Protein backbone atom coordinates (compact mmCIF):
# COMPACT_ATOMS: atom_id res chain seq x y z
CA UNK A 1 0.00 0.00 0.00
CA UNK A 2 1.38 3.43 -0.96
CA UNK A 3 2.17 5.98 1.72
CA UNK A 4 -0.58 8.28 0.47
CA UNK A 5 -3.24 5.55 0.67
CA UNK A 6 -1.96 4.60 4.10
CA UNK A 7 -2.28 8.23 5.20
CA UNK A 8 -5.85 8.45 3.85
CA UNK A 9 -6.78 5.23 5.64
CA UNK A 10 -5.34 6.49 8.93
CA UNK A 11 -7.20 9.77 8.58
CA UNK A 12 -10.48 7.99 7.86
CA UNK A 13 -10.09 5.82 10.96
CA UNK A 14 -9.23 8.88 13.05
CA UNK A 15 -12.24 10.73 11.65
CA UNK A 16 -14.59 7.87 12.55
CA UNK A 17 -13.19 7.74 16.08
CA UNK A 18 -13.64 11.51 16.39
CA UNK A 19 -17.26 11.25 15.27
CA UNK A 20 -17.81 8.46 17.79
CA UNK A 21 -16.39 10.63 20.56
CA UNK A 22 -18.50 13.62 19.53
CA UNK A 23 -21.66 11.53 19.42
CA UNK A 24 -20.98 10.17 22.93
CA UNK A 25 -20.27 13.61 24.41
CA UNK A 26 -23.41 15.12 22.89
CA UNK A 27 -25.52 12.14 23.90
CA UNK A 28 -24.21 12.37 27.47
CA UNK A 29 -24.42 16.17 27.79
CA UNK A 30 -28.03 16.29 26.62
CA UNK A 31 -29.01 13.97 29.46
CA UNK A 32 -27.51 16.45 31.93
CA UNK A 33 -29.80 19.29 30.85
CA UNK A 34 -32.34 20.26 33.51
CA UNK A 35 -35.96 19.40 32.88
CA UNK A 36 -37.80 16.32 31.69
CA UNK A 37 -38.14 16.26 27.88
CA UNK A 38 -41.18 13.99 28.15
CA UNK A 39 -42.92 16.54 30.41
CA UNK A 40 -41.99 19.40 28.07
CA UNK A 41 -43.36 17.56 25.05
CA UNK A 42 -46.52 16.40 26.82
CA UNK A 43 -47.28 19.78 28.36
CA UNK A 44 -47.71 20.96 31.94
CA UNK A 45 -51.32 19.76 32.11
CA UNK A 46 -50.61 16.22 30.95
CA UNK A 47 -51.12 13.34 33.35
CA UNK A 48 -48.29 11.21 34.70
CA UNK A 49 -49.52 8.32 32.58
CA UNK A 50 -49.20 10.40 29.41
CA UNK A 51 -45.72 11.56 30.43
CA UNK A 52 -44.66 7.98 31.15
CA UNK A 53 -45.99 6.88 27.75
CA UNK A 54 -43.97 9.57 25.95
CA UNK A 55 -40.89 8.66 27.99
CA UNK A 56 -41.30 5.04 26.87
CA UNK A 57 -41.79 6.07 23.24
CA UNK A 58 -38.59 8.12 23.35
CA UNK A 59 -36.72 5.30 25.04
CA UNK A 60 -35.82 7.50 28.02
CA UNK A 61 -36.83 4.79 30.50
CA UNK A 62 -33.96 2.56 29.35
CA UNK A 63 -30.40 2.60 30.75
CA UNK A 64 -27.97 5.10 29.25
CA UNK A 65 -25.77 2.53 27.53
CA UNK A 66 -28.80 0.90 25.91
CA UNK A 67 -30.04 4.26 24.61
CA UNK A 68 -26.61 5.08 23.21
CA UNK A 69 -26.23 1.66 21.60
CA UNK A 70 -29.59 2.00 19.86
CA UNK A 71 -28.65 5.48 18.66
CA UNK A 72 -25.33 4.27 17.21
CA UNK A 73 -26.92 1.27 15.50
CA UNK A 74 -29.51 3.48 13.83
CA UNK A 75 -26.99 6.19 12.93
CA UNK A 76 -24.79 3.68 11.09
CA UNK A 77 -27.81 2.87 8.92
CA UNK A 78 -28.46 6.56 8.24
CA UNK A 79 -31.41 6.64 10.64
CA UNK A 80 -31.15 9.49 13.15
CA UNK A 81 -34.52 8.77 14.69
CA UNK A 82 -37.74 10.75 14.84
CA UNK A 83 -38.10 14.32 16.04
CA UNK A 84 -39.74 14.47 19.46
CA UNK A 85 -41.59 17.64 18.45
CA UNK A 86 -42.85 16.87 14.96
CA UNK A 87 -42.57 13.05 14.81
CA UNK A 88 -40.84 13.50 11.44
CA UNK A 89 -37.58 11.71 10.54
CA UNK A 90 -34.64 13.78 11.77
CA UNK A 91 -32.61 13.13 8.62
CA UNK A 92 -35.43 14.53 6.46
CA UNK A 93 -35.68 17.78 8.42
CA UNK A 94 -31.90 18.12 8.55
CA UNK A 95 -31.53 17.67 4.79
CA UNK A 96 -34.33 20.20 4.25
CA UNK A 97 -32.54 22.86 6.30
CA UNK A 98 -28.94 21.96 5.38
CA UNK A 99 -28.81 23.74 1.96
CA UNK A 100 -29.64 27.09 3.58
CA UNK A 101 -26.83 26.70 6.13
CA UNK A 102 -24.34 25.57 3.49
CA UNK A 103 -25.31 28.50 1.27
CA UNK A 104 -24.69 30.97 4.09
CA UNK A 105 -21.40 29.31 5.09
CA UNK A 106 -20.10 29.17 1.49
CA UNK A 107 -20.92 32.83 0.80
CA UNK A 108 -19.31 33.88 4.08
CA UNK A 109 -16.21 31.78 3.39
CA UNK A 110 -15.89 33.28 -0.10
CA UNK A 111 -16.15 36.81 1.30
CA UNK A 112 -13.68 36.05 4.08
CA UNK A 113 -11.19 34.52 1.65
CA UNK A 114 -11.34 37.32 -0.90
CA UNK A 115 -11.20 40.26 1.51
CA UNK A 116 -8.89 38.52 3.98
CA UNK A 117 -6.27 37.43 1.43
CA UNK A 118 -6.28 40.74 -0.44
CA UNK A 119 -6.08 42.76 2.78
CA UNK A 120 -3.36 40.53 4.22
CA UNK A 121 -1.23 40.71 1.06
CA UNK A 122 -1.52 44.49 0.86
CA UNK A 123 -0.61 44.82 4.55
CA UNK A 124 2.39 42.49 4.14
CA UNK A 125 3.75 44.41 1.16
CA UNK A 126 3.43 47.68 3.12
CA UNK A 127 4.65 46.69 6.61
CA UNK A 128 4.29 49.28 9.39
CA UNK A 129 2.54 51.70 7.05
CA UNK A 130 -0.71 53.49 7.69
CA UNK A 131 -2.61 50.80 5.78
CA UNK A 132 -0.92 48.07 7.83
CA UNK A 133 -1.95 49.72 11.08
CA UNK A 134 -5.47 50.20 9.73
CA UNK A 135 -5.66 46.50 8.84
CA UNK A 136 -4.41 45.56 12.30
CA UNK A 137 -7.14 47.67 13.89
CA UNK A 138 -9.79 46.26 11.54
CA UNK A 139 -8.78 42.66 12.25
CA UNK A 140 -8.78 43.32 16.00
CA UNK A 141 -12.26 44.82 15.64
CA UNK A 142 -13.47 41.83 13.63
CA UNK A 143 -12.10 39.25 16.07
CA UNK A 144 -13.49 41.06 19.13
CA UNK A 145 -16.95 41.88 17.78
CA UNK A 146 -19.75 39.54 18.99
CA UNK A 147 -21.59 38.13 15.99
CA UNK A 148 -25.07 38.63 17.42
CA UNK A 149 -24.34 42.29 18.31
CA UNK A 150 -22.93 43.05 14.86
CA UNK A 151 -25.96 41.40 13.26
CA UNK A 152 -28.33 43.59 15.25
CA UNK A 153 -26.35 46.69 14.25
CA UNK A 154 -26.58 45.69 10.56
CA UNK A 155 -30.34 45.18 10.90
CA UNK A 156 -30.84 48.58 12.54
CA UNK A 157 -28.70 50.46 10.00
CA UNK A 158 -29.30 48.72 6.67
CA UNK A 159 -32.78 47.25 7.17
CA UNK A 160 -34.59 49.64 9.53
CA UNK A 161 -33.03 53.07 8.93
CA UNK A 162 -31.82 52.85 5.32
CA UNK A 163 -34.31 50.18 4.21
CA UNK A 164 -31.81 48.78 1.71
CA UNK A 165 -31.94 45.11 2.66
CA UNK A 166 -34.43 42.72 4.28
CA UNK A 167 -34.03 42.25 8.02
CA UNK A 168 -34.86 38.55 8.21
CA UNK A 169 -35.89 35.50 6.25
CA UNK A 170 -34.53 34.02 3.05
CA UNK A 171 -37.28 34.68 0.50
CA UNK A 172 -36.50 38.23 -0.64
CA UNK A 173 -33.64 39.13 -3.01
CA UNK A 174 -30.54 40.09 -1.11
CA UNK A 175 -31.70 38.40 2.08
CA UNK A 176 -28.38 36.55 2.40
CA UNK A 177 -26.22 39.70 2.31
CA UNK A 178 -26.55 40.84 5.93
CA UNK A 179 -26.20 37.40 7.56
CA UNK A 180 -23.27 36.53 5.26
CA UNK A 181 -21.45 39.77 6.08
CA UNK A 182 -22.11 39.26 9.78
CA UNK A 183 -20.87 35.68 9.70
CA UNK A 184 -17.81 36.58 7.60
CA UNK A 185 -16.62 39.43 9.84
CA UNK A 186 -14.75 37.18 12.27
CA UNK A 187 -13.25 34.99 9.53
CA UNK A 188 -12.04 37.96 7.45
CA UNK A 189 -9.97 39.13 10.39
CA UNK A 190 -8.37 35.74 11.00
CA UNK A 191 -7.63 35.07 7.32
CA UNK A 192 -6.13 38.56 6.91
CA UNK A 193 -3.87 38.12 9.93
CA UNK A 194 -2.74 34.68 8.78
CA UNK A 195 -2.10 35.96 5.24
CA UNK A 196 -0.06 38.91 6.49
CA UNK A 197 2.03 36.73 8.79
CA UNK A 198 2.66 34.06 6.17
CA UNK A 199 3.46 36.59 3.43
CA UNK A 200 5.93 38.49 5.62
CA UNK A 201 7.79 35.25 6.28
CA UNK A 202 7.92 34.31 2.58
CA UNK A 203 8.84 37.81 1.35
CA UNK A 204 12.00 37.69 3.43
CA UNK A 205 13.31 34.50 1.82
CA UNK A 206 16.12 34.20 -0.71
CA UNK A 207 14.06 33.18 -3.74
CA UNK A 208 11.97 36.36 -3.47
CA UNK A 209 15.08 38.53 -3.38
CA UNK A 210 16.43 36.56 -6.36
CA UNK A 211 13.20 37.13 -8.31
CA UNK A 212 13.40 40.86 -7.62
CA UNK A 213 17.09 40.93 -8.58
CA UNK A 214 16.17 39.42 -11.95
CA UNK A 215 13.97 42.45 -12.63
CA UNK A 216 10.57 40.76 -12.36
CA UNK A 217 7.60 43.04 -11.86
CA UNK A 218 6.71 43.48 -8.18
CA UNK A 219 3.15 42.26 -8.73
CA UNK A 220 4.49 39.08 -10.36
CA UNK A 221 6.89 38.52 -7.48
CA UNK A 222 4.18 39.00 -4.85
CA UNK A 223 1.26 37.09 -6.37
CA UNK A 224 2.96 34.39 -8.43
CA UNK A 225 5.98 33.55 -6.30
CA UNK A 226 5.40 34.74 -2.73
CA UNK A 227 1.66 34.15 -2.38
CA UNK A 228 1.87 30.69 -3.92
CA UNK A 229 4.45 29.63 -1.36
CA UNK A 230 2.42 31.16 1.47
CA UNK A 231 -0.81 29.37 0.57
CA UNK A 232 -0.53 26.34 2.86
CA UNK A 233 -1.21 28.14 6.19
CA UNK A 234 -3.78 30.36 4.45
CA UNK A 235 -5.69 27.36 3.09
CA UNK A 236 -5.54 25.80 6.54
CA UNK A 237 -7.07 28.93 8.09
CA UNK A 238 -9.79 29.08 5.42
CA UNK A 239 -10.67 25.41 5.89
CA UNK A 240 -10.89 25.74 9.65
CA UNK A 241 -12.98 28.87 9.30
CA UNK A 242 -15.46 27.11 7.02
CA UNK A 243 -16.03 24.54 9.73
CA UNK A 244 -16.28 27.27 12.34
CA UNK A 245 -18.78 29.17 10.21
CA UNK A 246 -21.11 26.18 10.24
CA UNK A 247 -21.15 26.35 14.03
CA UNK A 248 -21.19 30.15 14.07
CA UNK A 249 -24.28 30.10 11.89
CA UNK A 250 -26.28 29.11 14.98
CA UNK A 251 -26.29 32.66 16.39
CA UNK A 252 -26.42 34.36 13.00
CA UNK A 253 -29.37 32.32 11.78
CA UNK A 254 -31.22 33.00 15.02
CA UNK A 255 -30.67 36.78 14.76
CA UNK A 256 -31.72 36.97 11.10
CA UNK A 257 -34.41 34.28 11.14
CA UNK A 258 -32.47 32.32 8.52
CA UNK A 259 -34.17 28.94 7.91
CA UNK A 260 -31.08 26.79 8.41
CA UNK A 261 -29.79 24.17 10.81
CA UNK A 262 -28.60 26.76 13.31
CA UNK A 263 -32.06 28.07 14.05
CA UNK A 264 -33.45 24.53 14.10
CA UNK A 265 -30.77 23.54 16.61
CA UNK A 266 -31.65 26.39 18.99
CA UNK A 267 -35.38 25.58 18.80
CA UNK A 268 -34.66 21.89 19.38
CA UNK A 269 -32.50 22.58 22.45
CA UNK A 270 -35.25 24.64 24.09
CA UNK A 271 -37.79 21.93 23.25
CA UNK A 272 -35.48 19.17 24.60
CA UNK A 273 -35.76 17.42 21.25
CA UNK A 274 -32.91 14.97 21.86
CA UNK A 275 -32.98 13.16 18.49
CA UNK A 276 -32.93 16.43 16.52
CA UNK A 277 -30.08 17.96 18.54
CA UNK A 278 -28.01 14.79 18.26
CA UNK A 279 -28.60 14.59 14.51
CA UNK A 280 -27.71 18.22 13.83
CA UNK A 281 -24.52 18.12 15.91
CA UNK A 282 -23.50 14.87 14.20
CA UNK A 283 -24.02 16.46 10.76
CA UNK A 284 -22.04 19.58 11.78
CA UNK A 285 -19.21 17.40 13.09
CA UNK A 286 -19.15 15.31 9.92
CA UNK A 287 -18.92 18.40 7.71
CA UNK A 288 -16.17 19.91 9.87
CA UNK A 289 -14.09 16.72 9.82
CA UNK A 290 -14.63 16.28 6.08
CA UNK A 291 -13.52 19.86 5.43
CA UNK A 292 -10.30 19.38 7.40
CA UNK A 293 -9.65 16.11 5.59
CA UNK A 294 -10.02 17.74 2.16
CA UNK A 295 -7.81 20.65 3.22
CA UNK A 296 -5.05 18.24 4.24
CA UNK A 297 -5.28 16.46 0.88
CA UNK A 298 -5.10 19.77 -0.97
CA UNK A 299 -1.60 20.44 0.40
CA UNK A 300 -0.09 18.07 -2.14
CA UNK A 301 -1.69 20.01 -5.00
CA UNK A 302 -0.66 23.40 -3.60
CA UNK A 303 2.90 22.44 -2.70
CA UNK A 304 4.39 19.38 -4.48
CA UNK A 305 7.22 19.32 -1.94
CA UNK A 306 4.80 17.97 0.69
CA UNK A 307 4.71 14.20 1.06
CA UNK A 308 2.60 12.08 3.38
CA UNK A 309 4.24 9.34 5.40
């Protein structure tokens, strides 16, 4: 077996073990939440017999290890159970909401990559200039700004006062602009800082000075030679941010009423809908692990000098 195939196999095994650990932690933590989900679903006026019946239907009267074993057996078949609120298959509701979350995460990642890389490159080619200090302040602002607060500010300014964009929902044209900008604000800052740091390191190397000594145009030196060699840490930051944006969409979708998995997750937590929460977290974890796996494989394409052992 080649070293690359061996590496892929090891990563797949590690990914499966990670998913198993995530599923156990979520399954265990949900059982620690205060309140009886059967009572919440049945209602405050329901009799004890009705509550006991719902508890039996949900399997909550069984030991923890039995509940977890049943969940794993079903999950391996692609069955995430039935929603305790709607009695609909969890996988069906998740797949219905997933495209909206992926759309928001992809747009935000694209914005973060474009603005972050361009800003980081410009700051690296003008170190300790006014633009560099401005970028440093902007990235500090972006990292420190709470997503929910920035989203509310965007709604007040652009939706309420200026009436340029819709405040919530996903039906109107341009409805994705405000939530995408809000979600991308944190990632733009991190990508810009990583790009600046990586570019400064590469610009000080011998091959860059050699390229300049040969008389190559500065733009060619920066974007063709320096940026290409600085891409590995930048791609890593972008990949990690895409996974983080999926989780960060929880607050953003709630603020903007975006019909994605984030809003469904919040509603399910308040309703103590165990199967739905477990299914959504498992899907988020799978997408995050898959993104990191693809980013690792892309290193070989970006930099042929990298080899997997």
